[in-house]
Amino acid sequence: MIKLGCILKVSDNTGINKIRFIGTLKRKKTLTVGDIIIGSIQKTTSSTYKKSSIVTAILIKTKKPILRLDGSTLRFSDNCVLIVDKTLSPKGTHVFGPIPYEIKTKYKKVTTLTNNFV
């Protein structure tokens, strides 16, 4: 379960390693895969992004199981996000690890970054 103040991993090659979850764009009680979040940078190796800067991201992996229509569930080992800009196009050029199909149907621009879907 993702709460305010939770640390999330970034699984793209922007140079940002971890962000802290500080809010969402829509009022929701629980977050699922594909939701847009707002976070502040906690750890970075890039010179273009500074620590404590505010970024927007898409939640792509959660520890909480994803229930699918065919009855199967999908669970990841950590909570990961993908950094995007205001027009919801990704800032990185590559995504590390598999991505669920639910992201593929919502965000078409993310599908060009990887071919590893689960």
N, C-alpha and C. Protein backbone atom coordinates (compact mmCIF):
# COMPACT_ATOMS: atom_id res chain seq x y z
N MET A 1 0.83 -1.17 0.00
CA MET A 1 0.00 0.00 0.00
C MET A 1 0.88 1.24 0.00
N ILE A 2 0.54 2.17 -0.85
CA ILE A 2 1.35 3.37 -1.01
C ILE A 2 0.68 4.51 -0.27
N LYS A 3 1.39 5.08 0.70
CA LYS A 3 0.88 6.18 1.50
C LYS A 3 1.73 7.42 1.28
N LEU A 4 1.29 8.55 1.80
CA LEU A 4 2.07 9.77 1.70
C LEU A 4 3.40 9.58 2.41
N GLY A 5 4.46 10.02 1.77
CA GLY A 5 5.79 9.90 2.35
C GLY A 5 6.50 8.62 1.98
N CYS A 6 5.87 7.77 1.22
CA CYS A 6 6.47 6.50 0.82
C CYS A 6 7.58 6.75 -0.20
N ILE A 7 8.66 5.99 -0.09
CA ILE A 7 9.77 6.10 -1.03
C ILE A 7 9.54 5.11 -2.17
N LEU A 8 9.62 5.60 -3.42
CA LEU A 8 9.39 4.78 -4.60
C LEU A 8 10.65 4.75 -5.46
N LYS A 9 10.91 3.61 -6.07
CA LYS A 9 12.04 3.48 -6.98
C LYS A 9 11.65 4.01 -8.36
N VAL A 10 12.63 4.51 -9.08
CA VAL A 10 12.41 4.97 -10.45
C VAL A 10 13.06 3.96 -11.39
N SER A 11 12.29 3.45 -12.33
CA SER A 11 12.81 2.39 -13.20
C SER A 11 12.99 2.86 -14.64
N ASP A 12 13.59 4.04 -14.80
CA ASP A 12 13.98 4.48 -16.13
C ASP A 12 15.38 5.09 -16.05
N ASN A 13 15.90 5.57 -17.17
CA ASN A 13 17.29 6.02 -17.19
C ASN A 13 17.42 7.55 -17.14
N THR A 14 16.59 8.22 -16.36
CA THR A 14 16.70 9.67 -16.22
C THR A 14 17.81 10.08 -15.25
N GLY A 15 18.28 9.17 -14.42
CA GLY A 15 19.30 9.48 -13.43
C GLY A 15 18.74 9.65 -12.04
N ILE A 16 17.42 9.68 -11.94
CA ILE A 16 16.76 9.76 -10.63
C ILE A 16 16.62 8.35 -10.09
N ASN A 17 17.04 8.13 -8.85
CA ASN A 17 16.98 6.79 -8.27
C ASN A 17 15.75 6.57 -7.41
N LYS A 18 15.42 7.54 -6.55
CA LYS A 18 14.28 7.39 -5.63
C LYS A 18 13.54 8.71 -5.53
N ILE A 19 12.19 8.61 -5.39
CA ILE A 19 11.38 9.79 -5.12
C ILE A 19 10.47 9.51 -3.93
N ARG A 20 10.03 10.59 -3.28
CA ARG A 20 9.10 10.47 -2.16
C ARG A 20 7.73 10.89 -2.65
N PHE A 21 6.73 10.04 -2.40
CA PHE A 21 5.36 10.29 -2.83
C PHE A 21 4.75 11.40 -1.98
N ILE A 22 4.28 12.50 -2.65
CA ILE A 22 3.71 13.61 -1.90
C ILE A 22 2.28 13.93 -2.30
N GLY A 23 1.76 13.33 -3.37
CA GLY A 23 0.38 13.61 -3.75
C GLY A 23 0.00 13.01 -5.09
N THR A 24 -1.28 13.15 -5.45
CA THR A 24 -1.77 12.67 -6.73
C THR A 24 -2.46 13.81 -7.46
N LEU A 25 -2.71 13.62 -8.74
CA LEU A 25 -3.45 14.62 -9.50
C LEU A 25 -4.95 14.50 -9.27
N LYS A 26 -5.44 13.29 -9.04
CA LYS A 26 -6.85 13.07 -8.76
C LYS A 26 -6.99 12.55 -7.33
N ARG A 27 -8.06 12.91 -6.69
CA ARG A 27 -8.31 12.42 -5.33
C ARG A 27 -8.71 10.95 -5.40
N LYS A 28 -7.85 10.09 -4.88
CA LYS A 28 -8.14 8.67 -4.84
C LYS A 28 -7.72 8.13 -3.48
N LYS A 29 -8.47 7.18 -3.01
CA LYS A 29 -8.15 6.59 -1.72
C LYS A 29 -7.01 5.57 -1.85
N THR A 30 -7.07 4.75 -2.88
CA THR A 30 -6.02 3.76 -3.10
C THR A 30 -5.43 3.96 -4.49
N LEU A 31 -4.15 3.73 -4.61
CA LEU A 31 -3.47 3.88 -5.89
C LEU A 31 -3.33 2.53 -6.57
N THR A 32 -3.48 2.53 -7.87
CA THR A 32 -3.30 1.33 -8.67
C THR A 32 -2.29 1.62 -9.76
N VAL A 33 -1.98 0.60 -10.53
CA VAL A 33 -1.04 0.74 -11.63
C VAL A 33 -1.64 1.68 -12.68
N GLY A 34 -0.85 2.65 -13.12
CA GLY A 34 -1.30 3.60 -14.12
C GLY A 34 -1.70 4.94 -13.57
N ASP A 35 -1.72 5.12 -12.26
CA ASP A 35 -2.10 6.41 -11.68
C ASP A 35 -0.93 7.39 -11.77
N ILE A 36 -1.27 8.67 -11.91
CA ILE A 36 -0.26 9.71 -12.00
C ILE A 36 -0.04 10.29 -10.60
N ILE A 37 1.22 10.36 -10.20
CA ILE A 37 1.55 10.84 -8.86
C ILE A 37 2.51 12.02 -8.95
N ILE A 38 2.65 12.73 -7.85
CA ILE A 38 3.60 13.83 -7.72
C ILE A 38 4.58 13.45 -6.62
N GLY A 39 5.86 13.67 -6.87
CA GLY A 39 6.87 13.30 -5.89
C GLY A 39 8.03 14.27 -5.87
N SER A 40 8.81 14.21 -4.81
CA SER A 40 10.03 15.00 -4.71
C SER A 40 11.23 14.07 -4.78
N ILE A 41 12.25 14.51 -5.46
CA ILE A 41 13.43 13.68 -5.69
C ILE A 41 14.21 13.53 -4.39
N GLN A 42 14.51 12.30 -4.02
CA GLN A 42 15.27 12.01 -2.80
C GLN A 42 16.71 11.65 -3.10
N LYS A 43 16.94 10.89 -4.18
CA LYS A 43 18.29 10.46 -4.52
C LYS A 43 18.45 10.53 -6.02
N THR A 44 19.52 11.17 -6.48
CA THR A 44 19.75 11.31 -7.91
C THR A 44 21.23 11.25 -8.21
N THR A 45 21.56 10.79 -9.41
CA THR A 45 22.94 10.78 -9.88
C THR A 45 23.11 11.70 -11.08
N SER A 46 22.05 12.37 -11.48
CA SER A 46 22.06 13.24 -12.64
C SER A 46 22.33 14.67 -12.24
N SER A 47 22.99 15.42 -13.12
CA SER A 47 23.23 16.84 -12.85
C SER A 47 22.08 17.71 -13.33
N THR A 48 21.17 17.17 -14.14
CA THR A 48 20.04 17.96 -14.63
C THR A 48 18.90 18.01 -13.63
N TYR A 49 18.78 17.00 -12.77
CA TYR A 49 17.73 16.96 -11.75
C TYR A 49 18.36 17.15 -10.39
N LYS A 50 17.84 18.10 -9.62
CA LYS A 50 18.39 18.37 -8.30
C LYS A 50 17.54 17.70 -7.23
N LYS A 51 18.15 17.44 -6.10
CA LYS A 51 17.43 16.85 -4.98
C LYS A 51 16.35 17.81 -4.48
N SER A 52 15.24 17.27 -4.08
CA SER A 52 14.04 17.95 -3.58
C SER A 52 13.30 18.73 -4.66
N SER A 53 13.54 18.42 -5.94
CA SER A 53 12.74 18.99 -7.02
C SER A 53 11.44 18.21 -7.13
N ILE A 54 10.39 18.86 -7.63
CA ILE A 54 9.09 18.23 -7.78
C ILE A 54 8.97 17.67 -9.19
N VAL A 55 8.57 16.38 -9.30
CA VAL A 55 8.38 15.72 -10.59
C VAL A 55 7.04 15.01 -10.61
N THR A 56 6.54 14.74 -11.81
CA THR A 56 5.34 13.91 -11.96
C THR A 56 5.77 12.56 -12.49
N ALA A 57 5.04 11.53 -12.12
CA ALA A 57 5.41 10.17 -12.49
C ALA A 57 4.17 9.31 -12.64
N ILE A 58 4.34 8.19 -13.35
CA ILE A 58 3.29 7.20 -13.52
C ILE A 58 3.68 5.98 -12.70
N LEU A 59 2.77 5.48 -11.89
CA LEU A 59 3.00 4.29 -11.09
C LEU A 59 2.91 3.07 -12.00
N ILE A 60 4.02 2.31 -12.15
CA ILE A 60 4.02 1.18 -13.08
C ILE A 60 4.13 -0.18 -12.40
N LYS A 61 4.62 -0.24 -11.18
CA LYS A 61 4.73 -1.52 -10.47
C LYS A 61 4.31 -1.31 -9.02
N THR A 62 3.55 -2.25 -8.47
CA THR A 62 3.16 -2.19 -7.07
C THR A 62 3.34 -3.55 -6.41
N LYS A 63 3.56 -3.52 -5.10
CA LYS A 63 3.62 -4.76 -4.34
C LYS A 63 2.24 -5.36 -4.15
N LYS A 64 1.22 -4.49 -4.15
CA LYS A 64 -0.14 -4.97 -4.02
C LYS A 64 -0.54 -5.71 -5.30
N PRO A 65 -1.18 -6.88 -5.20
CA PRO A 65 -1.52 -7.64 -6.41
C PRO A 65 -2.50 -6.90 -7.32
N ILE A 66 -2.28 -7.02 -8.61
CA ILE A 66 -3.17 -6.46 -9.62
C ILE A 66 -4.13 -7.57 -10.03
N LEU A 67 -5.42 -7.33 -9.88
CA LEU A 67 -6.43 -8.32 -10.27
C LEU A 67 -6.82 -8.08 -11.72
N ARG A 68 -6.77 -9.12 -12.52
CA ARG A 68 -7.12 -9.01 -13.93
C ARG A 68 -8.47 -9.62 -14.20
N LEU A 69 -9.02 -9.32 -15.37
CA LEU A 69 -10.37 -9.78 -15.71
C LEU A 69 -10.45 -11.29 -15.89
N ASP A 70 -9.34 -11.93 -16.26
CA ASP A 70 -9.37 -13.39 -16.44
C ASP A 70 -9.19 -14.15 -15.13
N GLY A 71 -9.07 -13.45 -14.02
CA GLY A 71 -8.96 -14.09 -12.72
C GLY A 71 -7.54 -14.22 -12.20
N SER A 72 -6.56 -13.88 -12.99
CA SER A 72 -5.18 -14.00 -12.55
C SER A 72 -4.76 -12.74 -11.78
N THR A 73 -3.70 -12.87 -11.01
CA THR A 73 -3.15 -11.74 -10.27
C THR A 73 -1.69 -11.56 -10.64
N LEU A 74 -1.22 -10.34 -10.50
CA LEU A 74 0.17 -10.00 -10.82
C LEU A 74 0.72 -9.16 -9.69
N ARG A 75 1.88 -9.56 -9.16
CA ARG A 75 2.50 -8.86 -8.05
C ARG A 75 3.98 -8.66 -8.35
N PHE A 76 4.50 -7.48 -8.02
CA PHE A 76 5.91 -7.17 -8.20
C PHE A 76 6.59 -7.10 -6.84
N SER A 77 7.91 -7.12 -6.84
CA SER A 77 8.65 -7.14 -5.59
C SER A 77 8.87 -5.75 -5.00
N ASP A 78 8.64 -4.69 -5.79
CA ASP A 78 8.82 -3.34 -5.28
C ASP A 78 7.87 -2.37 -5.98
N ASN A 79 7.77 -1.16 -5.43
CA ASN A 79 6.93 -0.12 -6.01
C ASN A 79 7.80 0.77 -6.88
N CYS A 80 7.46 0.87 -8.16
CA CYS A 80 8.28 1.63 -9.11
C CYS A 80 7.44 2.64 -9.88
N VAL A 81 8.10 3.71 -10.32
CA VAL A 81 7.44 4.74 -11.10
C VAL A 81 8.26 5.04 -12.35
N LEU A 82 7.64 5.77 -13.26
CA LEU A 82 8.27 6.22 -14.50
C LEU A 82 8.09 7.72 -14.57
N ILE A 83 9.18 8.48 -14.70
CA ILE A 83 9.13 9.94 -14.69
C ILE A 83 8.59 10.44 -16.03
N VAL A 84 7.59 11.34 -15.96
CA VAL A 84 6.99 11.92 -17.17
C VAL A 84 6.96 13.44 -17.03
N ASP A 85 6.66 14.13 -18.14
CA ASP A 85 6.52 15.58 -18.09
C ASP A 85 5.04 15.96 -18.08
N LYS A 86 4.74 17.22 -18.30
CA LYS A 86 3.36 17.71 -18.20
C LYS A 86 2.43 17.09 -19.24
N THR A 87 2.97 16.72 -20.42
CA THR A 87 2.14 16.13 -21.48
C THR A 87 2.10 14.61 -21.39
N LEU A 88 2.58 14.05 -20.28
CA LEU A 88 2.62 12.61 -20.01
C LEU A 88 3.47 11.83 -21.00
N SER A 89 4.48 12.46 -21.57
CA SER A 89 5.46 11.72 -22.36
C SER A 89 6.67 11.46 -21.47
N PRO A 90 7.25 10.27 -21.54
CA PRO A 90 8.34 9.92 -20.63
C PRO A 90 9.60 10.74 -20.87
N LYS A 91 10.31 11.05 -19.78
CA LYS A 91 11.55 11.81 -19.89
C LYS A 91 12.74 10.91 -20.20
N GLY A 92 12.67 9.66 -19.80
CA GLY A 92 13.75 8.72 -20.07
C GLY A 92 13.60 8.10 -21.45
N THR A 93 14.61 7.33 -21.84
CA THR A 93 14.57 6.67 -23.14
C THR A 93 14.51 5.16 -23.03
N HIS A 94 14.57 4.63 -21.82
CA HIS A 94 14.54 3.18 -21.62
C HIS A 94 13.92 2.87 -20.25
N VAL A 95 13.12 1.80 -20.20
CA VAL A 95 12.51 1.36 -18.94
C VAL A 95 13.12 0.03 -18.56
N PHE A 96 13.54 -0.09 -17.30
CA PHE A 96 14.15 -1.32 -16.81
C PHE A 96 13.08 -2.23 -16.22
N GLY A 97 13.11 -3.49 -16.58
CA GLY A 97 12.19 -4.47 -16.03
C GLY A 97 10.89 -4.55 -16.81
N PRO A 98 10.05 -5.53 -16.45
CA PRO A 98 8.77 -5.71 -17.16
C PRO A 98 7.73 -4.66 -16.75
N ILE A 99 6.77 -4.45 -17.63
CA ILE A 99 5.67 -3.50 -17.40
C ILE A 99 4.36 -4.24 -17.62
N PRO A 100 3.35 -4.01 -16.77
CA PRO A 100 2.06 -4.69 -16.98
C PRO A 100 1.33 -4.18 -18.23
N TYR A 101 0.45 -5.01 -18.77
CA TYR A 101 -0.32 -4.64 -19.96
C TYR A 101 -1.26 -3.46 -19.70
N GLU A 102 -1.64 -3.24 -18.46
CA GLU A 102 -2.54 -2.13 -18.14
C GLU A 102 -1.93 -0.78 -18.49
N ILE A 103 -0.61 -0.67 -18.40
CA ILE A 103 0.08 0.56 -18.79
C ILE A 103 0.04 0.72 -20.30
N LYS A 104 0.15 -0.38 -21.02
CA LYS A 104 0.18 -0.35 -22.48
C LYS A 104 -1.12 0.21 -23.05
N THR A 105 -2.25 -0.10 -22.42
CA THR A 105 -3.53 0.38 -22.93
C THR A 105 -3.79 1.84 -22.57
N LYS A 106 -3.28 2.32 -21.42
CA LYS A 106 -3.53 3.69 -21.00
C LYS A 106 -2.59 4.70 -21.64
N TYR A 107 -1.30 4.38 -21.71
CA TYR A 107 -0.29 5.33 -22.15
C TYR A 107 0.46 4.75 -23.35
N LYS A 108 0.17 5.26 -24.53
CA LYS A 108 0.75 4.73 -25.76
C LYS A 108 2.22 5.10 -25.90
N LYS A 109 2.64 6.25 -25.36
CA LYS A 109 4.02 6.69 -25.51
C LYS A 109 5.00 5.83 -24.70
N VAL A 110 4.52 5.23 -23.63
CA VAL A 110 5.37 4.39 -22.79
C VAL A 110 5.71 3.08 -23.49
N THR A 111 4.85 2.62 -24.37
CA THR A 111 5.06 1.33 -25.02
C THR A 111 6.26 1.34 -25.94
N THR A 112 6.71 2.51 -26.39
CA THR A 112 7.88 2.56 -27.27
C THR A 112 9.18 2.38 -26.51
N LEU A 113 9.16 2.51 -25.18
CA LEU A 113 10.38 2.43 -24.39
C LEU A 113 10.79 1.01 -24.03
N THR A 114 9.87 0.07 -24.11
CA THR A 114 10.18 -1.31 -23.74
C THR A 114 9.34 -2.26 -24.58
N ASN A 115 9.80 -3.49 -24.66
CA ASN A 115 9.02 -4.53 -25.33
C ASN A 115 8.75 -5.70 -24.38
N ASN A 116 9.02 -5.49 -23.09
CA ASN A 116 8.87 -6.53 -22.09
C ASN A 116 7.59 -6.29 -21.28
N PHE A 117 6.48 -6.89 -21.73
CA PHE A 117 5.20 -6.72 -21.05
C PHE A 117 4.80 -8.00 -20.36
N VAL A 118 4.15 -7.86 -19.21
CA VAL A 118 3.69 -9.02 -18.44
C VAL A 118 2.19 -9.00 -18.37
